[in-house]
C-alpha cells in the first residue's frame, strides 16, 4: 500500500514530523492548516486532504502514527511526556516548554507571516534576497518552539535576478535561531583582518543594545505604573 506523507511542517508542532497523524474529533475533520491535537497527544498541522480511515479497517496506509491508530480504534493511549510549566502563560504542559494554546497562537502568527512574505511571481527566477536594512522590534506575542522570545523585523532589500525595485519582507526570528546566526557573525568578524572592521561592528552592536535595553526598561516602567496594560 502507498505510504502517506507526513503532516505539513510547523516549527510549533510537537508530533513526530516523519509520520502522518490522525485527529479524533466528533464534528468532522478540523480546519486545514491549523495546529491540532492528534491521537498520540502531540500537536500536528491539519493537512488539506485528511486521511479517511475507518476504525474497523483491517488494512491501513503505511506511514500512519501507531499511537494515533490505536486511539482511532478506541484504545487508551497514555501521555508519558514530562510535565512542565509553559514558558509564556505558566500553565502546565507536556508540549516541550509551551502549552498547546500558546503553540497554536504562535503557529497562527507564523502562518500569517509566512503567507505575507511568500515570494512573488517574477518573469525570471529570483535569487537570494539582499538585505539593505530595516527596523527591529521585540514582540512579546511570538515565541519559538523552545519557548524563547522572538524578534520581528521588516527587512528592506531586493532579489538578485528579480525585479529591480526594492521590496520589504516581514520576518519573525526566534532567539534560538538568532543565537546561531550571531555566533556565526561573531566568528566571521573576529576572522576579518580589515582595519577597523571589528571596531565598527562592535560599536553598531553596542548602540543597538543600548537602544533596545532603554525601550524595554521604559516598557517595564510603564507596565508597573499601569497594571492593566
N, C-alpha and C. Protein backbone atom coordinates (compact mmCIF):
# COMPACT_ATOMS: atom_id res chain seq x y z
N UNK A 1 0.84 -1.20 0.00
CA UNK A 1 0.00 0.00 0.00
C UNK A 1 0.88 1.25 0.00
N UNK A 2 0.45 2.29 -0.71
CA UNK A 2 1.22 3.51 -0.83
C UNK A 2 1.38 4.19 0.52
N UNK A 3 2.58 4.69 0.79
CA UNK A 3 2.85 5.36 2.05
C UNK A 3 2.31 6.79 2.01
N UNK A 4 1.57 7.19 3.06
CA UNK A 4 1.02 8.54 3.11
C UNK A 4 2.10 9.50 3.59
N UNK A 5 2.12 10.73 3.07
CA UNK A 5 3.13 11.70 3.51
C UNK A 5 2.85 12.18 4.92
N UNK A 6 3.86 12.70 5.62
CA UNK A 6 3.63 13.23 6.97
C UNK A 6 2.81 14.51 6.94
N UNK A 7 2.39 14.96 8.10
CA UNK A 7 1.62 16.20 8.20
C UNK A 7 2.49 17.39 7.77
N UNK A 8 1.88 18.48 7.32
CA UNK A 8 2.66 19.67 6.94
C UNK A 8 3.52 20.17 8.09
N UNK A 9 4.60 20.86 7.74
CA UNK A 9 5.56 21.33 8.73
C UNK A 9 5.07 22.57 9.47
N UNK A 10 5.40 22.64 10.74
CA UNK A 10 5.28 23.86 11.55
C UNK A 10 6.34 23.79 12.63
N UNK A 11 7.05 24.89 12.90
CA UNK A 11 8.06 24.87 13.97
C UNK A 11 7.43 24.67 15.35
N UNK A 12 6.10 24.78 15.44
CA UNK A 12 5.42 24.66 16.74
C UNK A 12 4.73 23.31 16.91
N UNK A 13 4.80 22.45 15.91
CA UNK A 13 4.23 21.11 16.03
C UNK A 13 5.12 20.26 16.93
N UNK A 14 4.50 19.38 17.73
CA UNK A 14 5.26 18.51 18.63
C UNK A 14 5.12 17.04 18.26
N UNK A 15 4.22 16.69 17.36
CA UNK A 15 4.08 15.31 16.93
C UNK A 15 5.24 14.93 16.02
N UNK A 16 5.52 13.64 15.91
CA UNK A 16 6.63 13.15 15.09
C UNK A 16 6.49 13.67 13.66
N UNK A 17 7.47 14.45 13.17
CA UNK A 17 7.34 15.04 11.83
C UNK A 17 7.51 14.05 10.69
N UNK A 18 7.90 12.82 10.99
CA UNK A 18 8.11 11.82 9.94
C UNK A 18 6.89 10.95 9.71
N UNK A 19 5.83 11.13 10.51
CA UNK A 19 4.66 10.28 10.41
C UNK A 19 3.41 11.11 10.09
N UNK A 20 2.36 10.41 9.64
CA UNK A 20 1.07 11.06 9.40
C UNK A 20 0.19 10.81 10.63
N UNK A 21 -0.37 11.88 11.17
CA UNK A 21 -1.13 11.80 12.41
C UNK A 21 -2.63 11.98 12.14
N UNK A 22 -3.42 11.38 13.01
CA UNK A 22 -4.87 11.41 12.89
C UNK A 22 -5.46 12.27 13.99
N UNK A 23 -6.59 12.88 13.71
CA UNK A 23 -7.22 13.81 14.65
C UNK A 23 -8.59 13.30 15.07
N UNK A 24 -8.71 12.77 16.28
CA UNK A 24 -10.02 12.28 16.75
C UNK A 24 -10.94 13.45 17.07
N UNK A 25 -12.00 13.63 16.31
CA UNK A 25 -12.96 14.70 16.54
C UNK A 25 -14.37 14.16 16.42
N UNK A 26 -15.32 14.86 17.01
CA UNK A 26 -16.72 14.46 16.97
C UNK A 26 -17.49 15.13 15.84
N UNK A 27 -16.94 16.22 15.31
CA UNK A 27 -17.69 17.02 14.33
C UNK A 27 -16.94 17.14 13.00
N UNK A 28 -16.35 16.06 12.55
CA UNK A 28 -15.67 16.09 11.27
C UNK A 28 -14.23 16.55 11.40
N UNK A 29 -13.49 16.55 10.31
CA UNK A 29 -12.07 16.92 10.35
C UNK A 29 -11.88 18.39 10.72
N UNK A 30 -10.81 18.71 11.47
CA UNK A 30 -10.55 20.12 11.82
C UNK A 30 -10.11 20.93 10.59
N UNK A 31 -9.98 22.21 10.78
CA UNK A 31 -9.67 23.13 9.67
C UNK A 31 -8.26 22.90 9.15
N UNK A 32 -8.09 22.71 7.84
CA UNK A 32 -6.75 22.52 7.28
C UNK A 32 -5.84 23.71 7.60
N UNK A 33 -4.58 23.40 7.88
CA UNK A 33 -3.60 24.43 8.18
C UNK A 33 -3.48 24.79 9.63
N UNK A 34 -4.45 24.36 10.46
CA UNK A 34 -4.40 24.68 11.89
C UNK A 34 -3.56 23.66 12.63
N UNK A 35 -3.08 24.06 13.79
CA UNK A 35 -2.34 23.16 14.68
C UNK A 35 -3.35 22.52 15.62
N UNK A 36 -3.40 21.18 15.64
CA UNK A 36 -4.48 20.50 16.34
C UNK A 36 -3.93 19.28 17.09
N UNK A 37 -4.52 18.95 18.27
CA UNK A 37 -4.08 17.75 18.99
C UNK A 37 -4.39 16.49 18.19
N UNK A 38 -3.41 15.62 18.10
CA UNK A 38 -3.57 14.36 17.39
C UNK A 38 -3.87 13.24 18.39
N UNK A 39 -4.17 12.06 17.86
CA UNK A 39 -4.49 10.93 18.71
C UNK A 39 -3.36 10.51 19.62
N UNK A 40 -2.12 10.84 19.24
CA UNK A 40 -0.95 10.48 20.04
C UNK A 40 -0.63 11.52 21.10
N UNK A 41 -1.48 12.55 21.25
CA UNK A 41 -1.34 13.66 22.20
C UNK A 41 -0.42 14.78 21.70
N UNK A 42 0.32 14.53 20.62
CA UNK A 42 1.15 15.59 20.07
C UNK A 42 0.32 16.56 19.26
N UNK A 43 0.92 17.68 18.90
CA UNK A 43 0.27 18.69 18.08
C UNK A 43 0.79 18.58 16.65
N UNK A 44 -0.12 18.52 15.69
CA UNK A 44 0.26 18.40 14.29
C UNK A 44 -0.58 19.33 13.44
N UNK A 45 -0.06 19.70 12.28
CA UNK A 45 -0.77 20.57 11.36
C UNK A 45 -1.76 19.74 10.55
N UNK A 46 -2.98 20.21 10.46
CA UNK A 46 -4.02 19.51 9.70
C UNK A 46 -3.75 19.69 8.21
N UNK A 47 -3.62 18.59 7.46
CA UNK A 47 -3.35 18.71 6.02
C UNK A 47 -4.60 19.14 5.26
N UNK A 48 -4.40 19.55 4.01
CA UNK A 48 -5.53 19.95 3.17
C UNK A 48 -6.46 18.77 2.89
N UNK A 49 -5.89 17.59 2.78
CA UNK A 49 -6.68 16.39 2.49
C UNK A 49 -6.44 15.35 3.59
N UNK A 50 -7.27 15.36 4.66
CA UNK A 50 -7.09 14.39 5.75
C UNK A 50 -7.25 12.96 5.25
N UNK A 51 -6.57 12.04 5.94
CA UNK A 51 -6.67 10.63 5.61
C UNK A 51 -7.98 10.09 6.17
N UNK A 52 -8.77 9.45 5.31
CA UNK A 52 -10.03 8.85 5.74
C UNK A 52 -9.77 7.38 6.14
N UNK A 53 -9.87 7.10 7.43
CA UNK A 53 -9.60 5.75 7.94
C UNK A 53 -10.75 5.32 8.83
N UNK A 54 -11.31 4.16 8.56
CA UNK A 54 -12.39 3.62 9.39
C UNK A 54 -11.78 2.90 10.59
N UNK A 55 -12.36 3.06 11.79
CA UNK A 55 -11.79 2.42 12.98
C UNK A 55 -11.66 0.90 12.87
N UNK A 56 -12.54 0.25 12.09
CA UNK A 56 -12.50 -1.21 11.98
C UNK A 56 -11.80 -1.67 10.71
N UNK A 57 -11.08 -0.79 10.06
CA UNK A 57 -10.39 -1.16 8.83
C UNK A 57 -9.29 -2.17 9.12
N UNK A 58 -9.22 -3.22 8.31
CA UNK A 58 -8.20 -4.24 8.52
C UNK A 58 -6.84 -3.79 7.97
N UNK A 59 -6.86 -3.05 6.90
CA UNK A 59 -5.62 -2.60 6.28
C UNK A 59 -5.53 -1.08 6.37
N UNK A 60 -4.40 -0.58 6.83
CA UNK A 60 -4.19 0.86 6.99
C UNK A 60 -3.01 1.31 6.13
N UNK A 61 -3.02 2.56 5.68
CA UNK A 61 -1.91 3.05 4.86
C UNK A 61 -0.60 3.05 5.65
N UNK A 62 0.49 2.82 4.95
CA UNK A 62 1.80 2.92 5.57
C UNK A 62 2.10 4.38 5.92
N UNK A 63 2.82 4.56 7.00
CA UNK A 63 3.22 5.91 7.41
C UNK A 63 2.36 6.52 8.48
N UNK A 64 1.29 5.84 8.90
CA UNK A 64 0.44 6.37 9.96
C UNK A 64 1.11 6.21 11.33
N UNK A 65 0.88 7.17 12.21
CA UNK A 65 1.37 7.11 13.58
C UNK A 65 0.67 5.95 14.30
N UNK A 66 1.46 5.06 14.93
CA UNK A 66 0.88 3.89 15.60
C UNK A 66 -0.02 4.30 16.76
N UNK A 67 0.40 5.33 17.52
CA UNK A 67 -0.41 5.77 18.66
C UNK A 67 -1.72 6.40 18.19
N UNK A 68 -1.67 7.16 17.09
CA UNK A 68 -2.90 7.74 16.54
C UNK A 68 -3.84 6.64 16.06
N UNK A 69 -3.27 5.60 15.47
CA UNK A 69 -4.08 4.47 15.00
C UNK A 69 -4.74 3.76 16.18
N UNK A 70 -3.97 3.59 17.27
CA UNK A 70 -4.54 2.94 18.46
C UNK A 70 -5.68 3.76 19.03
N UNK A 71 -5.52 5.08 19.07
CA UNK A 71 -6.59 5.95 19.57
C UNK A 71 -7.81 5.87 18.67
N UNK A 72 -7.58 5.77 17.36
CA UNK A 72 -8.68 5.63 16.41
C UNK A 72 -9.50 4.37 16.69
N UNK A 73 -8.82 3.31 17.11
CA UNK A 73 -9.50 2.05 17.38
C UNK A 73 -10.10 1.99 18.79
N UNK A 74 -10.04 3.11 19.52
CA UNK A 74 -10.66 3.17 20.83
C UNK A 74 -9.79 2.72 21.98
N UNK A 75 -8.50 2.51 21.73
CA UNK A 75 -7.59 2.09 22.79
C UNK A 75 -7.07 3.30 23.55
N UNK A 76 -6.80 3.14 24.83
CA UNK A 76 -6.27 4.23 25.65
C UNK A 76 -4.79 4.43 25.33
N UNK A 77 -4.42 5.66 25.03
CA UNK A 77 -3.03 5.99 24.72
C UNK A 77 -2.50 6.91 25.81
N UNK A 78 -1.71 6.39 26.75
CA UNK A 78 -1.21 7.24 27.85
C UNK A 78 -0.23 8.29 27.34
N UNK A 79 -0.27 9.46 27.95
CA UNK A 79 0.65 10.54 27.60
C UNK A 79 1.80 10.52 28.62
N UNK A 80 2.93 9.99 28.24
CA UNK A 80 4.06 9.81 29.15
C UNK A 80 5.09 10.93 29.06
N UNK A 81 4.80 11.97 28.29
CA UNK A 81 5.76 13.07 28.16
C UNK A 81 5.86 13.82 29.48
N UNK A 82 7.05 14.35 29.82
CA UNK A 82 7.21 15.05 31.10
C UNK A 82 6.36 16.32 31.19
N UNK A 83 5.88 16.60 32.38
CA UNK A 83 5.06 17.79 32.62
C UNK A 83 5.94 18.95 33.07
N UNK A 84 5.69 20.13 32.50
CA UNK A 84 6.44 21.33 32.88
C UNK A 84 5.52 22.54 32.78
N UNK A 85 6.01 23.69 33.21
CA UNK A 85 5.23 24.92 33.12
C UNK A 85 5.48 25.59 31.78
N UNK A 86 4.43 26.12 31.17
CA UNK A 86 4.57 26.85 29.92
C UNK A 86 5.43 28.09 30.13
N UNK A 87 6.37 28.31 29.22
CA UNK A 87 7.28 29.45 29.35
C UNK A 87 6.56 30.79 29.21
N UNK A 88 5.38 30.78 28.59
CA UNK A 88 4.67 32.03 28.35
C UNK A 88 3.55 32.28 29.35
N UNK A 89 2.66 31.28 29.55
CA UNK A 89 1.49 31.51 30.41
C UNK A 89 1.56 30.77 31.73
N UNK A 90 2.61 29.96 31.95
CA UNK A 90 2.89 29.25 33.20
C UNK A 90 1.89 28.12 33.47
N UNK A 91 1.02 27.82 32.54
CA UNK A 91 0.13 26.69 32.71
C UNK A 91 0.90 25.38 32.52
N UNK A 92 0.41 24.29 33.12
CA UNK A 92 1.06 23.01 32.96
C UNK A 92 0.97 22.51 31.53
N UNK A 93 2.04 21.91 31.04
CA UNK A 93 2.04 21.43 29.66
C UNK A 93 2.97 20.23 29.52
N UNK A 94 2.68 19.40 28.55
CA UNK A 94 3.56 18.31 28.16
C UNK A 94 4.12 18.52 26.76
N UNK A 95 4.01 19.75 26.28
CA UNK A 95 4.41 20.07 24.91
C UNK A 95 5.73 20.81 24.83
N UNK A 96 6.70 20.37 25.62
CA UNK A 96 8.08 20.85 25.48
C UNK A 96 8.21 22.37 25.63
N UNK A 97 7.81 22.89 26.79
CA UNK A 97 8.08 24.29 27.10
C UNK A 97 6.98 25.27 26.78
N UNK A 98 6.11 24.96 25.85
CA UNK A 98 4.98 25.83 25.51
C UNK A 98 3.71 24.99 25.49
N UNK A 99 2.64 25.52 26.10
CA UNK A 99 1.38 24.77 26.14
C UNK A 99 0.72 24.77 24.76
N UNK A 100 -0.30 23.96 24.61
CA UNK A 100 -0.97 23.82 23.32
C UNK A 100 -1.59 25.14 22.86
N UNK A 101 -2.15 25.91 23.79
CA UNK A 101 -2.78 27.18 23.42
C UNK A 101 -1.75 28.16 22.90
N UNK A 102 -0.62 28.30 23.62
CA UNK A 102 0.42 29.24 23.19
C UNK A 102 1.07 28.78 21.89
N UNK A 103 1.23 27.48 21.73
CA UNK A 103 1.78 26.96 20.47
C UNK A 103 0.84 27.23 19.30
N UNK A 104 -0.46 27.07 19.55
CA UNK A 104 -1.45 27.34 18.50
C UNK A 104 -1.43 28.81 18.10
N UNK A 105 -1.36 29.70 19.09
CA UNK A 105 -1.29 31.14 18.79
C UNK A 105 -0.03 31.46 17.98
N UNK A 106 1.11 30.88 18.42
CA UNK A 106 2.37 31.14 17.72
C UNK A 106 2.34 30.57 16.30
N UNK A 107 1.71 29.41 16.14
CA UNK A 107 1.59 28.82 14.80
C UNK A 107 0.76 29.72 13.87
N UNK A 108 -0.30 30.30 14.40
CA UNK A 108 -1.13 31.19 13.58
C UNK A 108 -0.34 32.42 13.15
N UNK A 109 0.46 32.98 14.08
CA UNK A 109 1.28 34.13 13.74
C UNK A 109 2.32 33.75 12.70
N UNK A 110 2.96 32.61 12.88
CA UNK A 110 3.97 32.13 11.94
C UNK A 110 3.34 31.91 10.56
N UNK A 111 2.12 31.37 10.53
CA UNK A 111 1.44 31.12 9.26
C UNK A 111 1.15 32.43 8.53
N UNK A 112 0.69 33.45 9.30
CA UNK A 112 0.39 34.74 8.67
C UNK A 112 1.65 35.37 8.11
N UNK A 113 2.75 35.32 8.87
CA UNK A 113 4.00 35.92 8.40
C UNK A 113 4.52 35.18 7.18
N UNK A 114 4.46 33.84 7.23
CA UNK A 114 4.95 33.05 6.10
C UNK A 114 4.14 33.34 4.85
N UNK A 115 2.82 33.48 4.99
CA UNK A 115 1.97 33.76 3.84
C UNK A 115 2.23 35.15 3.30
N UNK A 116 2.40 36.12 4.22
CA UNK A 116 2.61 37.50 3.79
C UNK A 116 3.95 37.69 3.10
N UNK A 117 4.91 36.84 3.42
CA UNK A 117 6.25 37.00 2.84
C UNK A 117 6.55 35.96 1.77
N UNK A 118 5.51 35.29 1.26
CA UNK A 118 5.73 34.31 0.19
C UNK A 118 6.30 35.02 -1.03
N UNK A 119 7.26 34.41 -1.71
CA UNK A 119 7.86 35.07 -2.87
C UNK A 119 6.83 35.40 -3.93
N UNK A 120 6.92 36.59 -4.49
CA UNK A 120 6.00 36.96 -5.55
C UNK A 120 6.48 36.37 -6.87
N UNK A 121 5.58 36.26 -7.83
CA UNK A 121 5.92 35.68 -9.12
C UNK A 121 6.65 36.71 -9.98
N UNK A 122 7.78 36.31 -10.52
CA UNK A 122 8.55 37.20 -11.40
C UNK A 122 8.79 36.48 -12.73
N UNK A 123 9.07 37.26 -13.75
CA UNK A 123 9.27 36.66 -15.07
C UNK A 123 10.54 35.84 -15.12
N UNK A 124 11.54 36.24 -14.37
CA UNK A 124 12.78 35.46 -14.31
C UNK A 124 13.00 35.02 -12.87
N UNK A 125 13.63 33.87 -12.65
CA UNK A 125 13.79 33.35 -11.29
C UNK A 125 14.52 34.34 -10.39
N UNK A 126 14.00 34.51 -9.18
CA UNK A 126 14.61 35.42 -8.22
C UNK A 126 15.63 34.67 -7.39
N UNK A 127 16.79 35.29 -7.18
CA UNK A 127 17.83 34.66 -6.38
C UNK A 127 17.73 35.08 -4.93
N UNK A 128 18.87 35.12 -4.25
CA UNK A 128 18.91 35.45 -2.83
C UNK A 128 18.40 36.86 -2.58
N UNK A 129 17.80 37.06 -1.41
CA UNK A 129 17.30 38.38 -1.03
C UNK A 129 18.41 39.13 -0.31
N UNK A 130 18.83 40.24 -0.87
CA UNK A 130 19.91 41.04 -0.30
C UNK A 130 19.30 42.10 0.61
N UNK A 131 19.64 42.07 1.89
CA UNK A 131 19.06 42.98 2.88
C UNK A 131 19.87 44.27 2.93
N UNK A 132 19.17 45.39 2.85
CA UNK A 132 19.81 46.70 2.95
C UNK A 132 19.58 47.36 4.30
N UNK A 133 18.56 46.90 5.04
CA UNK A 133 18.27 47.49 6.34
C UNK A 133 16.84 47.21 6.74
N UNK A 134 16.43 47.82 7.86
CA UNK A 134 15.07 47.64 8.33
C UNK A 134 14.98 47.70 9.84
N UNK A 135 13.80 48.06 10.38
CA UNK A 135 13.62 48.18 11.82
C UNK A 135 13.52 46.80 12.50
N UNK A 136 13.89 46.77 13.77
CA UNK A 136 13.80 45.56 14.59
C UNK A 136 12.99 45.87 15.82
N UNK A 137 12.10 44.94 16.22
CA UNK A 137 11.35 45.14 17.45
C UNK A 137 11.17 43.82 18.18
N UNK A 138 11.13 43.90 19.49
CA UNK A 138 10.84 42.74 20.31
C UNK A 138 9.33 42.55 20.34
N UNK A 139 8.85 41.38 20.02
CA UNK A 139 7.42 41.13 20.01
C UNK A 139 7.06 40.15 21.12
N UNK A 140 6.34 40.58 22.15
CA UNK A 140 6.04 39.70 23.29
C UNK A 140 5.03 38.61 22.98
N UNK A 141 4.44 38.61 21.80
CA UNK A 141 3.42 37.63 21.46
C UNK A 141 3.95 36.49 20.60
N UNK A 142 5.24 36.48 20.32
CA UNK A 142 5.79 35.44 19.46
C UNK A 142 6.90 34.70 20.18
N UNK A 143 6.83 33.37 20.15
CA UNK A 143 7.83 32.53 20.78
C UNK A 143 8.20 31.41 19.82
N UNK A 144 9.43 30.92 19.93
CA UNK A 144 9.83 29.79 19.12
C UNK A 144 9.35 28.50 19.78
N UNK A 145 9.65 27.36 19.13
CA UNK A 145 9.17 26.10 19.66
C UNK A 145 9.81 25.72 20.99
N UNK A 146 10.92 26.40 21.37
CA UNK A 146 11.56 26.13 22.65
C UNK A 146 11.06 27.06 23.76
N UNK A 147 10.19 28.00 23.40
CA UNK A 147 9.70 28.95 24.38
C UNK A 147 10.52 30.22 24.46
N UNK A 148 11.52 30.36 23.59
CA UNK A 148 12.35 31.57 23.59
C UNK A 148 11.62 32.72 22.90
N UNK A 149 11.91 33.93 23.37
CA UNK A 149 11.32 35.13 22.79
C UNK A 149 11.74 35.29 21.34
N UNK A 150 10.87 35.86 20.52
CA UNK A 150 11.19 36.08 19.11
C UNK A 150 11.24 37.58 18.82
N UNK A 151 11.84 37.92 17.70
CA UNK A 151 12.00 39.31 17.30
C UNK A 151 11.42 39.49 15.90
N UNK A 152 10.76 40.61 15.71
CA UNK A 152 10.14 40.90 14.41
C UNK A 152 10.96 41.97 13.70
N UNK A 153 11.07 41.85 12.40
CA UNK A 153 11.80 42.84 11.63
C UNK A 153 11.17 42.97 10.25
N UNK A 154 11.22 44.14 9.69
CA UNK A 154 10.80 44.38 8.30
C UNK A 154 12.07 44.70 7.52
N UNK A 155 12.54 43.72 6.77
CA UNK A 155 13.80 43.88 6.04
C UNK A 155 13.54 44.47 4.66
N UNK A 156 14.30 45.49 4.31
CA UNK A 156 14.22 46.11 3.00
C UNK A 156 15.40 45.65 2.15
N UNK A 157 15.14 45.34 0.90
CA UNK A 157 16.21 44.90 0.02
C UNK A 157 15.69 44.53 -1.34
N UNK A 158 16.39 43.63 -2.00
CA UNK A 158 16.00 43.25 -3.35
C UNK A 158 16.44 41.81 -3.62
N UNK A 159 15.77 41.16 -4.59
CA UNK A 159 16.13 39.81 -5.01
C UNK A 159 17.15 39.89 -6.15
N UNK A 160 18.23 39.14 -6.01
CA UNK A 160 19.20 39.05 -7.10
C UNK A 160 18.54 38.34 -8.28
N UNK A 161 18.57 38.97 -9.43
CA UNK A 161 17.97 38.37 -10.61
C UNK A 161 16.48 38.57 -10.70
N UNK A 162 15.87 39.28 -9.72
CA UNK A 162 14.45 39.52 -9.76
C UNK A 162 14.14 40.90 -10.30
N UNK A 163 13.01 41.46 -9.87
CA UNK A 163 12.66 42.81 -10.29
C UNK A 163 13.66 43.81 -9.72
N UNK A 164 13.78 44.94 -10.38
CA UNK A 164 14.77 45.94 -9.97
C UNK A 164 14.33 46.73 -8.73
N UNK A 165 13.01 46.81 -8.48
CA UNK A 165 12.56 47.65 -7.38
C UNK A 165 12.84 46.99 -6.03
N UNK A 166 12.97 47.83 -5.01
CA UNK A 166 13.23 47.33 -3.65
C UNK A 166 11.95 46.77 -3.04
N UNK A 167 12.09 45.73 -2.24
CA UNK A 167 10.95 45.08 -1.60
C UNK A 167 11.12 45.13 -0.09
N UNK A 168 10.04 44.77 0.61
CA UNK A 168 10.06 44.65 2.07
C UNK A 168 9.51 43.29 2.45
N UNK A 169 10.19 42.60 3.36
CA UNK A 169 9.76 41.29 3.84
C UNK A 169 9.65 41.34 5.36
N UNK A 170 8.49 40.93 5.91
CA UNK A 170 8.29 40.86 7.35
C UNK A 170 8.73 39.48 7.85
N UNK A 171 9.58 39.46 8.86
CA UNK A 171 10.10 38.22 9.41
C UNK A 171 9.90 38.18 10.92
N UNK A 172 9.68 36.99 11.45
CA UNK A 172 9.71 36.75 12.89
C UNK A 172 10.86 35.78 13.15
N UNK A 173 11.88 36.24 13.88
CA UNK A 173 13.09 35.46 14.08
C UNK A 173 13.17 35.00 15.53
N UNK A 174 13.11 33.69 15.81
CA UNK A 174 13.22 33.20 17.18
C UNK A 174 14.64 33.35 17.71
N UNK A 175 14.74 33.51 19.02
CA UNK A 175 16.03 33.76 19.64
C UNK A 175 16.98 32.58 19.46
N UNK A 176 16.44 31.35 19.41
CA UNK A 176 17.32 30.19 19.24
C UNK A 176 18.01 30.24 17.87
N UNK A 177 17.31 30.73 16.84
CA UNK A 177 17.95 30.85 15.52
C UNK A 177 18.91 32.03 15.50
N UNK A 178 18.53 33.13 16.15
CA UNK A 178 19.41 34.30 16.17
C UNK A 178 20.73 33.99 16.88
N UNK A 179 20.68 33.13 17.91
CA UNK A 179 21.92 32.75 18.59
C UNK A 179 22.87 32.05 17.62
N UNK A 180 22.31 31.19 16.77
CA UNK A 180 23.11 30.52 15.74
C UNK A 180 23.68 31.53 14.76
N UNK A 181 22.84 32.48 14.34
CA UNK A 181 23.26 33.48 13.37
C UNK A 181 24.33 34.41 13.96
N UNK A 182 24.10 34.87 15.19
CA UNK A 182 25.04 35.79 15.83
C UNK A 182 26.39 35.11 16.07
N UNK A 183 26.35 33.85 16.48
CA UNK A 183 27.60 33.12 16.69
C UNK A 183 28.43 33.06 15.42
N UNK A 184 27.78 32.81 14.29
CA UNK A 184 28.50 32.77 13.03
C UNK A 184 29.04 34.13 12.64
N UNK A 185 28.26 35.17 12.87
CA UNK A 185 28.71 36.53 12.54
C UNK A 185 29.91 36.92 13.38
N UNK A 186 29.86 36.64 14.69
CA UNK A 186 30.98 36.99 15.58
C UNK A 186 32.26 36.28 15.15
N UNK A 187 32.13 35.01 14.78
CA UNK A 187 33.31 34.27 14.34
C UNK A 187 33.89 34.89 13.06
N UNK A 188 33.02 35.28 12.14
CA UNK A 188 33.49 35.87 10.89
C UNK A 188 34.13 37.23 11.11
N UNK A 189 33.55 38.04 12.01
CA UNK A 189 34.12 39.36 12.31
C UNK A 189 35.48 39.22 12.97
N UNK A 190 35.60 38.27 13.91
CA UNK A 190 36.90 38.04 14.56
C UNK A 190 37.98 37.64 13.55
N UNK A 191 37.55 36.97 12.48
CA UNK A 191 38.50 36.48 11.47
C UNK A 191 38.81 37.54 10.43
N UNK A 192 38.06 38.66 10.44
CA UNK A 192 38.24 39.72 9.45
C UNK A 192 39.45 40.58 9.83
N UNK A 193 40.44 40.64 8.94
CA UNK A 193 41.65 41.42 9.21
C UNK A 193 41.58 42.83 8.63
N UNK A 194 40.44 43.21 8.08
CA UNK A 194 40.31 44.57 7.55
C UNK A 194 40.43 45.59 8.67
N UNK A 195 41.25 46.63 8.52
CA UNK A 195 41.43 47.62 9.59
C UNK A 195 40.10 48.27 10.01
N UNK A 196 39.81 48.24 11.30
CA UNK A 196 38.63 48.89 11.85
C UNK A 196 37.35 48.09 11.72
N UNK A 197 37.38 46.92 11.08
CA UNK A 197 36.15 46.15 10.87
C UNK A 197 35.54 45.70 12.20
N UNK A 198 36.37 45.19 13.09
CA UNK A 198 35.87 44.70 14.38
C UNK A 198 35.32 45.85 15.21
N UNK A 199 36.00 46.99 15.20
CA UNK A 199 35.55 48.14 15.99
C UNK A 199 34.21 48.69 15.47
N UNK A 200 34.05 48.77 14.16
CA UNK A 200 32.79 49.27 13.59
C UNK A 200 31.64 48.33 13.95
N UNK A 201 31.88 47.04 13.87
CA UNK A 201 30.83 46.08 14.21
C UNK A 201 30.45 46.18 15.68
N UNK A 202 31.45 46.26 16.55
CA UNK A 202 31.19 46.33 18.00
C UNK A 202 30.42 47.60 18.35
N UNK A 203 30.79 48.73 17.75
CA UNK A 203 30.10 49.98 18.02
C UNK A 203 28.64 49.90 17.59
N UNK A 204 28.36 49.30 16.45
CA UNK A 204 26.99 49.16 15.98
C UNK A 204 26.18 48.26 16.91
N UNK A 205 26.78 47.16 17.36
CA UNK A 205 26.09 46.25 18.29
C UNK A 205 25.79 46.97 19.59
N UNK A 206 26.75 47.72 20.11
CA UNK A 206 26.56 48.41 21.39
C UNK A 206 25.47 49.47 21.30
N UNK A 207 25.40 50.19 20.18
CA UNK A 207 24.36 51.20 20.01
C UNK A 207 22.99 50.57 19.99
N UNK A 208 22.84 49.49 19.25
CA UNK A 208 21.55 48.80 19.18
C UNK A 208 21.16 48.23 20.53
N UNK A 209 22.13 47.62 21.23
CA UNK A 209 21.85 47.04 22.54
C UNK A 209 21.37 48.10 23.52
N UNK A 210 22.01 49.25 23.54
CA UNK A 210 21.61 50.33 24.45
C UNK A 210 20.22 50.85 24.10
N UNK A 211 19.92 50.97 22.83
CA UNK A 211 18.63 51.49 22.40
C UNK A 211 17.49 50.54 22.77
N UNK A 212 17.68 49.25 22.51
CA UNK A 212 16.64 48.26 22.83
C UNK A 212 16.49 48.10 24.34
N UNK A 213 17.61 48.11 25.07
CA UNK A 213 17.53 47.99 26.53
C UNK A 213 16.73 49.15 27.13
N UNK A 214 16.97 50.37 26.63
CA UNK A 214 16.23 51.53 27.14
C UNK A 214 14.74 51.40 26.84
N UNK A 215 14.40 50.91 25.65
CA UNK A 215 12.99 50.73 25.29
C UNK A 215 12.32 49.69 26.17
N UNK A 216 13.01 48.60 26.46
CA UNK A 216 12.45 47.55 27.31
C UNK A 216 12.28 48.03 28.74
N UNK A 217 13.26 48.78 29.24
CA UNK A 217 13.16 49.32 30.60
C UNK A 217 12.01 50.31 30.72
N UNK A 218 11.79 51.11 29.67
CA UNK A 218 10.68 52.05 29.68
C UNK A 218 9.35 51.31 29.66
N UNK A 219 9.27 50.22 28.86
CA UNK A 219 8.05 49.43 28.80
C UNK A 219 7.75 48.80 30.15
N UNK A 220 8.78 48.31 30.84
CA UNK A 220 8.60 47.72 32.17
C UNK A 220 8.10 48.76 33.15
N UNK A 221 8.66 49.98 33.09
CA UNK A 221 8.23 51.05 33.98
C UNK A 221 6.78 51.44 33.70
N UNK A 222 6.39 51.49 32.43
CA UNK A 222 5.00 51.81 32.08
C UNK A 222 4.05 50.74 32.59
N UNK A 223 4.45 49.48 32.47
CA UNK A 223 3.59 48.38 32.94
C UNK A 223 3.41 48.42 34.45
N UNK A 224 4.46 48.81 35.18
CA UNK A 224 4.37 48.89 36.63
C UNK A 224 3.45 50.03 37.08
N UNK A 225 3.44 51.11 36.30
CA UNK A 225 2.58 52.24 36.63
C UNK A 225 1.11 51.93 36.32
N UNK A 226 0.87 51.17 35.25
CA UNK A 226 -0.48 50.83 34.85
C UNK A 226 -0.59 49.31 34.71
N UNK A 227 -0.96 48.58 35.75
CA UNK A 227 -1.02 47.10 35.69
C UNK A 227 -2.06 46.57 34.71
N UNK A 228 -2.93 47.44 34.18
CA UNK A 228 -3.93 46.98 33.22
C UNK A 228 -3.36 46.76 31.84
N UNK A 229 -2.12 47.19 31.61
CA UNK A 229 -1.50 47.03 30.29
C UNK A 229 -1.33 45.56 29.96
